[in-house]
Amino acid sequence: MATIEHSEIVKAPPERVFELLRRVEDFADYSDLIRSIDILGNDCYRWHVRAVGVDWSFDVKVTEIQSPHTLAWESLEGVKNQGRYQLRAVPEGTEVELTLRYEIRNRLMEKAVNKAAKPLVGKVSRQILERVEARLHE
């Protein structure tokens, strides 16, 4: 599995940041690459993403919620992936660390995605955290 990590500081306390990150269905409002997110129930969601010129869909289940420090998920079908947000208080607000692991079984598609994945995930993560921070300061 490939691993991508991204970290950023959000100028707000962990409890407020976590409250918004916990609302997975709102992530489509936070990133241009996330087309939509459907709530399936029981902490399961269907993500619709457009990346590297391809529409991707995958179902995920939230597997760990430890407010206000950890939110983790894993895919149920579609693109195999696991992710985790770790939040910790810092003097400037909250350090948010994203770790994303994914696996694509099509070799040709895997090469294209691996080349583009790190900048794309970084872009999505930055957009999400910037828009979360903006929402916190509305």
N, C-alpha and C. Protein backbone atom coordinates (compact mmCIF):
# COMPACT_ATOMS: atom_id res chain seq x y z
N MET A 1 0.84 -1.18 0.00
CA MET A 1 0.00 0.00 0.00
C MET A 1 0.88 1.24 0.00
N ALA A 2 0.51 2.23 -0.80
CA ALA A 2 1.22 3.51 -0.79
C ALA A 2 0.72 4.34 0.39
N THR A 3 1.58 5.17 0.94
CA THR A 3 1.22 6.02 2.08
C THR A 3 1.51 7.47 1.74
N ILE A 4 0.55 8.32 2.08
CA ILE A 4 0.71 9.76 1.91
C ILE A 4 0.42 10.41 3.26
N GLU A 5 1.26 11.36 3.64
CA GLU A 5 1.04 12.08 4.90
C GLU A 5 1.01 13.57 4.62
N HIS A 6 0.18 14.26 5.38
CA HIS A 6 0.08 15.71 5.27
C HIS A 6 -0.24 16.26 6.65
N SER A 7 0.38 17.38 6.99
CA SER A 7 0.17 18.00 8.29
C SER A 7 -0.01 19.50 8.11
N GLU A 8 -0.89 20.06 8.92
CA GLU A 8 -1.14 21.49 8.84
C GLU A 8 -1.66 21.99 10.19
N ILE A 9 -1.45 23.27 10.45
CA ILE A 9 -1.96 23.90 11.67
C ILE A 9 -3.26 24.63 11.33
N VAL A 10 -4.29 24.39 12.15
CA VAL A 10 -5.56 25.11 12.05
C VAL A 10 -5.65 25.99 13.29
N LYS A 11 -5.94 27.26 13.07
CA LYS A 11 -5.98 28.22 14.18
C LYS A 11 -7.31 28.15 14.92
N ALA A 12 -7.50 27.06 15.63
CA ALA A 12 -8.69 26.84 16.45
C ALA A 12 -8.40 25.66 17.38
N PRO A 13 -9.12 25.55 18.49
CA PRO A 13 -8.87 24.44 19.42
C PRO A 13 -9.28 23.09 18.82
N PRO A 14 -8.64 22.00 19.26
CA PRO A 14 -8.94 20.67 18.71
C PRO A 14 -10.42 20.30 18.75
N GLU A 15 -11.12 20.66 19.80
CA GLU A 15 -12.54 20.29 19.91
C GLU A 15 -13.36 20.88 18.77
N ARG A 16 -13.10 22.12 18.42
CA ARG A 16 -13.85 22.77 17.34
C ARG A 16 -13.46 22.21 15.98
N VAL A 17 -12.18 21.94 15.77
CA VAL A 17 -11.72 21.36 14.51
C VAL A 17 -12.31 19.96 14.34
N PHE A 18 -12.24 19.15 15.39
CA PHE A 18 -12.75 17.78 15.33
C PHE A 18 -14.24 17.77 15.03
N GLU A 19 -14.98 18.69 15.64
CA GLU A 19 -16.42 18.76 15.42
C GLU A 19 -16.76 18.86 13.94
N LEU A 20 -15.98 19.64 13.18
CA LEU A 20 -16.24 19.77 11.75
C LEU A 20 -15.69 18.58 10.96
N LEU A 21 -14.51 18.09 11.32
CA LEU A 21 -13.96 16.93 10.61
C LEU A 21 -14.84 15.70 10.80
N ARG A 22 -15.50 15.60 11.93
CA ARG A 22 -16.37 14.45 12.22
C ARG A 22 -17.57 14.41 11.27
N ARG A 23 -17.94 15.55 10.70
CA ARG A 23 -19.08 15.62 9.77
C ARG A 23 -18.58 15.27 8.36
N VAL A 24 -18.32 13.98 8.17
CA VAL A 24 -17.73 13.48 6.92
C VAL A 24 -18.54 13.93 5.70
N GLU A 25 -19.84 13.94 5.82
CA GLU A 25 -20.70 14.30 4.69
C GLU A 25 -20.46 15.72 4.20
N ASP A 26 -19.85 16.58 5.02
CA ASP A 26 -19.57 17.96 4.61
C ASP A 26 -18.26 18.10 3.83
N PHE A 27 -17.46 17.06 3.73
CA PHE A 27 -16.16 17.16 3.05
C PHE A 27 -16.32 17.60 1.60
N ALA A 28 -17.43 17.26 0.96
CA ALA A 28 -17.65 17.69 -0.42
C ALA A 28 -17.71 19.22 -0.52
N ASP A 29 -18.09 19.89 0.57
CA ASP A 29 -18.10 21.36 0.60
C ASP A 29 -16.70 21.93 0.77
N TYR A 30 -15.75 21.10 1.19
CA TYR A 30 -14.42 21.58 1.53
C TYR A 30 -13.38 21.36 0.44
N SER A 31 -13.70 20.59 -0.60
CA SER A 31 -12.71 20.31 -1.64
C SER A 31 -13.34 20.25 -3.02
N ASP A 32 -12.65 20.83 -4.00
CA ASP A 32 -13.13 20.83 -5.37
C ASP A 32 -13.08 19.45 -6.02
N LEU A 33 -12.23 18.55 -5.51
CA LEU A 33 -12.09 17.23 -6.11
C LEU A 33 -13.13 16.23 -5.61
N ILE A 34 -13.75 16.54 -4.47
CA ILE A 34 -14.79 15.64 -3.94
C ILE A 34 -16.12 16.08 -4.52
N ARG A 35 -16.68 15.24 -5.39
CA ARG A 35 -17.95 15.58 -6.07
C ARG A 35 -19.12 15.56 -5.09
N SER A 36 -19.22 14.47 -4.33
CA SER A 36 -20.30 14.34 -3.35
C SER A 36 -19.97 13.20 -2.40
N ILE A 37 -20.68 13.20 -1.27
CA ILE A 37 -20.55 12.12 -0.30
C ILE A 37 -21.96 11.75 0.14
N ASP A 38 -22.30 10.49 -0.04
CA ASP A 38 -23.61 9.99 0.35
C ASP A 38 -23.50 9.32 1.72
N ILE A 39 -24.46 9.60 2.59
CA ILE A 39 -24.52 8.94 3.90
C ILE A 39 -25.23 7.60 3.70
N LEU A 40 -24.55 6.51 4.07
CA LEU A 40 -25.12 5.17 3.92
C LEU A 40 -25.68 4.64 5.24
N GLY A 41 -25.35 5.30 6.35
CA GLY A 41 -25.79 4.85 7.67
C GLY A 41 -24.71 4.06 8.38
N ASN A 42 -24.83 3.94 9.70
CA ASN A 42 -23.86 3.20 10.53
C ASN A 42 -22.43 3.67 10.32
N ASP A 43 -22.24 4.99 10.23
CA ASP A 43 -20.91 5.58 10.01
C ASP A 43 -20.27 5.14 8.70
N CYS A 44 -21.09 4.83 7.70
CA CYS A 44 -20.60 4.47 6.37
C CYS A 44 -20.99 5.56 5.37
N TYR A 45 -20.09 5.81 4.40
CA TYR A 45 -20.29 6.88 3.44
C TYR A 45 -19.80 6.42 2.06
N ARG A 46 -20.46 6.91 1.01
CA ARG A 46 -19.98 6.66 -0.37
C ARG A 46 -19.41 7.97 -0.89
N TRP A 47 -18.11 7.94 -1.20
CA TRP A 47 -17.41 9.11 -1.72
C TRP A 47 -17.41 9.06 -3.25
N HIS A 48 -17.60 10.21 -3.87
CA HIS A 48 -17.49 10.37 -5.32
C HIS A 48 -16.43 11.45 -5.55
N VAL A 49 -15.31 11.04 -6.15
CA VAL A 49 -14.14 11.92 -6.31
C VAL A 49 -13.75 11.93 -7.79
N ARG A 50 -13.28 13.07 -8.27
CA ARG A 50 -12.73 13.15 -9.62
C ARG A 50 -11.25 13.50 -9.48
N ALA A 51 -10.38 12.58 -9.91
CA ALA A 51 -8.94 12.78 -9.81
C ALA A 51 -8.25 12.15 -11.00
N VAL A 52 -7.18 12.74 -11.44
CA VAL A 52 -6.38 12.30 -12.60
C VAL A 52 -7.28 11.97 -13.79
N GLY A 53 -8.31 12.79 -13.99
CA GLY A 53 -9.20 12.63 -15.14
C GLY A 53 -10.16 11.46 -15.04
N VAL A 54 -10.27 10.87 -13.87
CA VAL A 54 -11.11 9.68 -13.69
C VAL A 54 -12.07 9.93 -12.52
N ASP A 55 -13.31 9.44 -12.68
CA ASP A 55 -14.26 9.47 -11.58
C ASP A 55 -14.06 8.22 -10.74
N TRP A 56 -13.89 8.41 -9.44
CA TRP A 56 -13.68 7.32 -8.50
C TRP A 56 -14.83 7.33 -7.49
N SER A 57 -15.29 6.15 -7.14
CA SER A 57 -16.27 6.02 -6.06
C SER A 57 -15.76 4.94 -5.12
N PHE A 58 -15.96 5.16 -3.84
CA PHE A 58 -15.60 4.14 -2.88
C PHE A 58 -16.42 4.34 -1.62
N ASP A 59 -16.74 3.24 -0.98
CA ASP A 59 -17.48 3.27 0.28
C ASP A 59 -16.48 3.14 1.42
N VAL A 60 -16.68 3.96 2.45
CA VAL A 60 -15.82 3.90 3.62
C VAL A 60 -16.65 3.79 4.89
N LYS A 61 -16.03 3.23 5.90
CA LYS A 61 -16.63 3.15 7.22
C LYS A 61 -15.70 3.83 8.20
N VAL A 62 -16.26 4.70 9.03
CA VAL A 62 -15.48 5.31 10.10
C VAL A 62 -15.22 4.20 11.12
N THR A 63 -13.95 3.97 11.42
CA THR A 63 -13.56 2.84 12.28
C THR A 63 -13.12 3.26 13.67
N GLU A 64 -12.80 4.55 13.84
CA GLU A 64 -12.35 5.01 15.15
C GLU A 64 -12.71 6.48 15.31
N ILE A 65 -13.33 6.77 16.43
CA ILE A 65 -13.67 8.15 16.78
C ILE A 65 -13.26 8.34 18.24
N GLN A 66 -12.25 9.17 18.44
CA GLN A 66 -11.83 9.52 19.80
C GLN A 66 -11.75 11.04 19.85
N SER A 67 -12.89 11.64 20.15
CA SER A 67 -12.97 13.10 20.17
C SER A 67 -12.10 13.65 21.31
N PRO A 68 -11.33 14.68 21.05
CA PRO A 68 -11.11 15.42 19.81
C PRO A 68 -9.78 15.09 19.14
N HIS A 69 -9.35 13.82 19.23
CA HIS A 69 -7.99 13.51 18.79
C HIS A 69 -7.87 12.62 17.55
N THR A 70 -8.79 11.69 17.34
CA THR A 70 -8.60 10.71 16.27
C THR A 70 -9.89 10.46 15.52
N LEU A 71 -9.79 10.46 14.21
CA LEU A 71 -10.88 10.04 13.32
C LEU A 71 -10.24 9.17 12.25
N ALA A 72 -10.66 7.90 12.19
CA ALA A 72 -10.06 6.97 11.23
C ALA A 72 -11.14 6.27 10.43
N TRP A 73 -10.77 5.82 9.23
CA TRP A 73 -11.71 5.14 8.36
C TRP A 73 -10.98 4.13 7.49
N GLU A 74 -11.77 3.25 6.87
CA GLU A 74 -11.22 2.33 5.88
C GLU A 74 -12.27 2.07 4.83
N SER A 75 -11.82 1.73 3.63
CA SER A 75 -12.75 1.50 2.54
C SER A 75 -13.43 0.15 2.72
N LEU A 76 -14.65 0.08 2.24
CA LEU A 76 -15.41 -1.16 2.24
C LEU A 76 -15.42 -1.78 0.86
N GLU A 77 -15.44 -0.92 -0.16
CA GLU A 77 -15.35 -1.38 -1.55
C GLU A 77 -14.88 -0.21 -2.40
N GLY A 78 -14.55 -0.49 -3.65
CA GLY A 78 -13.98 0.54 -4.50
C GLY A 78 -12.49 0.62 -4.26
N VAL A 79 -11.92 1.82 -4.34
CA VAL A 79 -10.49 2.01 -4.14
C VAL A 79 -10.15 1.64 -2.69
N LYS A 80 -9.25 0.66 -2.53
CA LYS A 80 -8.87 0.22 -1.19
C LYS A 80 -8.03 1.31 -0.52
N ASN A 81 -8.52 1.79 0.63
CA ASN A 81 -7.79 2.83 1.34
C ASN A 81 -8.12 2.84 2.81
N GLN A 82 -7.22 3.42 3.59
CA GLN A 82 -7.38 3.63 5.02
C GLN A 82 -6.84 5.02 5.31
N GLY A 83 -7.52 5.72 6.20
CA GLY A 83 -7.06 7.05 6.54
C GLY A 83 -7.24 7.34 8.01
N ARG A 84 -6.51 8.33 8.47
CA ARG A 84 -6.58 8.71 9.89
C ARG A 84 -6.22 10.19 10.02
N TYR A 85 -7.06 10.91 10.74
CA TYR A 85 -6.73 12.25 11.19
C TYR A 85 -6.32 12.15 12.65
N GLN A 86 -5.18 12.73 12.97
CA GLN A 86 -4.72 12.86 14.36
C GLN A 86 -4.66 14.35 14.65
N LEU A 87 -5.30 14.78 15.71
CA LEU A 87 -5.31 16.18 16.10
C LEU A 87 -4.61 16.34 17.44
N ARG A 88 -3.82 17.41 17.56
CA ARG A 88 -3.23 17.69 18.86
C ARG A 88 -3.09 19.20 19.02
N ALA A 89 -3.31 19.62 20.26
CA ALA A 89 -3.22 21.04 20.58
C ALA A 89 -1.77 21.51 20.47
N VAL A 90 -1.59 22.66 19.86
CA VAL A 90 -0.29 23.34 19.77
C VAL A 90 -0.56 24.81 20.10
N PRO A 91 0.48 25.57 20.41
CA PRO A 91 0.24 26.98 20.79
C PRO A 91 -0.55 27.77 19.74
N GLU A 92 -0.39 27.45 18.45
CA GLU A 92 -1.08 28.18 17.39
C GLU A 92 -2.52 27.72 17.18
N GLY A 93 -2.92 26.59 17.80
CA GLY A 93 -4.26 26.05 17.60
C GLY A 93 -4.24 24.54 17.64
N THR A 94 -4.42 23.91 16.46
CA THR A 94 -4.46 22.46 16.37
C THR A 94 -3.59 21.98 15.21
N GLU A 95 -2.69 21.06 15.50
CA GLU A 95 -1.96 20.40 14.41
C GLU A 95 -2.81 19.22 13.96
N VAL A 96 -3.12 19.18 12.68
CA VAL A 96 -3.91 18.10 12.10
C VAL A 96 -3.00 17.30 11.19
N GLU A 97 -2.83 16.02 11.49
CA GLU A 97 -2.02 15.14 10.67
C GLU A 97 -2.93 14.14 9.96
N LEU A 98 -2.80 14.07 8.65
CA LEU A 98 -3.54 13.10 7.85
C LEU A 98 -2.57 12.04 7.38
N THR A 99 -2.93 10.77 7.57
CA THR A 99 -2.19 9.66 6.99
C THR A 99 -3.18 8.89 6.13
N LEU A 100 -2.84 8.70 4.87
CA LEU A 100 -3.71 7.99 3.93
C LEU A 100 -2.92 6.88 3.27
N ARG A 101 -3.46 5.67 3.33
CA ARG A 101 -2.86 4.51 2.65
C ARG A 101 -3.85 4.03 1.61
N TYR A 102 -3.35 3.69 0.43
CA TYR A 102 -4.25 3.22 -0.62
C TYR A 102 -3.57 2.17 -1.48
N GLU A 103 -4.39 1.41 -2.17
CA GLU A 103 -3.88 0.37 -3.07
C GLU A 103 -4.79 0.32 -4.29
N ILE A 104 -4.15 0.31 -5.46
CA ILE A 104 -4.89 0.20 -6.72
C ILE A 104 -4.35 -1.03 -7.44
N ARG A 105 -5.24 -1.91 -7.82
CA ARG A 105 -4.82 -3.22 -8.35
C ARG A 105 -4.54 -3.21 -9.85
N ASN A 106 -4.95 -2.18 -10.56
CA ASN A 106 -4.68 -2.07 -11.99
C ASN A 106 -3.31 -1.40 -12.16
N ARG A 107 -2.33 -2.13 -12.67
CA ARG A 107 -0.94 -1.64 -12.74
C ARG A 107 -0.81 -0.33 -13.52
N LEU A 108 -1.48 -0.24 -14.66
CA LEU A 108 -1.40 0.97 -15.48
C LEU A 108 -2.00 2.15 -14.73
N MET A 109 -3.16 1.95 -14.14
CA MET A 109 -3.81 3.02 -13.37
C MET A 109 -3.00 3.35 -12.13
N GLU A 110 -2.39 2.34 -11.51
CA GLU A 110 -1.60 2.55 -10.31
C GLU A 110 -0.44 3.51 -10.56
N LYS A 111 0.25 3.34 -11.70
CA LYS A 111 1.38 4.22 -12.02
C LYS A 111 0.93 5.66 -12.16
N ALA A 112 -0.19 5.87 -12.86
CA ALA A 112 -0.70 7.24 -13.04
C ALA A 112 -1.14 7.83 -11.71
N VAL A 113 -1.82 7.05 -10.91
CA VAL A 113 -2.33 7.55 -9.63
C VAL A 113 -1.17 7.82 -8.67
N ASN A 114 -0.20 6.91 -8.60
CA ASN A 114 0.92 7.11 -7.68
C ASN A 114 1.67 8.41 -8.00
N LYS A 115 1.82 8.71 -9.27
CA LYS A 115 2.52 9.94 -9.67
C LYS A 115 1.74 11.18 -9.25
N ALA A 116 0.41 11.10 -9.36
CA ALA A 116 -0.43 12.26 -9.07
C ALA A 116 -0.97 12.28 -7.64
N ALA A 117 -0.95 11.14 -6.94
CA ALA A 117 -1.66 11.03 -5.67
C ALA A 117 -1.14 11.97 -4.59
N LYS A 118 0.17 12.04 -4.41
CA LYS A 118 0.70 12.86 -3.32
C LYS A 118 0.31 14.32 -3.48
N PRO A 119 0.52 14.95 -4.66
CA PRO A 119 0.09 16.34 -4.79
C PRO A 119 -1.43 16.50 -4.68
N LEU A 120 -2.19 15.52 -5.20
CA LEU A 120 -3.65 15.61 -5.12
C LEU A 120 -4.14 15.50 -3.69
N VAL A 121 -3.62 14.53 -2.96
CA VAL A 121 -4.04 14.36 -1.56
C VAL A 121 -3.62 15.58 -0.75
N GLY A 122 -2.43 16.09 -1.01
CA GLY A 122 -1.99 17.31 -0.33
C GLY A 122 -2.92 18.47 -0.63
N LYS A 123 -3.33 18.61 -1.89
CA LYS A 123 -4.25 19.68 -2.29
C LYS A 123 -5.59 19.52 -1.58
N VAL A 124 -6.14 18.31 -1.62
CA VAL A 124 -7.43 18.06 -0.98
C VAL A 124 -7.34 18.32 0.52
N SER A 125 -6.29 17.82 1.14
CA SER A 125 -6.12 18.01 2.58
C SER A 125 -6.01 19.48 2.92
N ARG A 126 -5.21 20.24 2.15
CA ARG A 126 -5.08 21.68 2.39
C ARG A 126 -6.42 22.38 2.23
N GLN A 127 -7.15 22.04 1.14
CA GLN A 127 -8.46 22.66 0.92
C GLN A 127 -9.40 22.37 2.08
N ILE A 128 -9.45 21.12 2.50
CA ILE A 128 -10.35 20.74 3.59
C ILE A 128 -10.01 21.54 4.85
N LEU A 129 -8.74 21.56 5.22
CA LEU A 129 -8.36 22.24 6.46
C LEU A 129 -8.51 23.76 6.37
N GLU A 130 -8.21 24.34 5.20
CA GLU A 130 -8.41 25.78 5.03
C GLU A 130 -9.89 26.13 5.13
N ARG A 131 -10.74 25.32 4.53
CA ARG A 131 -12.18 25.61 4.55
C ARG A 131 -12.80 25.31 5.91
N VAL A 132 -12.27 24.31 6.60
CA VAL A 132 -12.70 24.06 7.98
C VAL A 132 -12.36 25.28 8.83
N GLU A 133 -11.12 25.76 8.70
CA GLU A 133 -10.70 26.93 9.47
C GLU A 133 -11.56 28.14 9.13
N ALA A 134 -11.84 28.36 7.86
CA ALA A 134 -12.69 29.50 7.46
C ALA A 134 -14.08 29.36 8.08
N ARG A 135 -14.63 28.16 8.08
CA ARG A 135 -15.96 27.96 8.66
C ARG A 135 -15.94 28.22 10.16
N LEU A 136 -14.85 27.87 10.82
CA LEU A 136 -14.74 28.10 12.26
C LEU A 136 -14.70 29.59 12.60
N HIS A 137 -14.28 30.41 11.65
CA HIS A 137 -14.13 31.84 11.92
C HIS A 137 -15.22 32.67 11.26
N GLU A 138 -16.29 32.03 10.78
CA GLU A 138 -17.42 32.77 10.18
C GLU A 138 -18.20 33.49 11.24
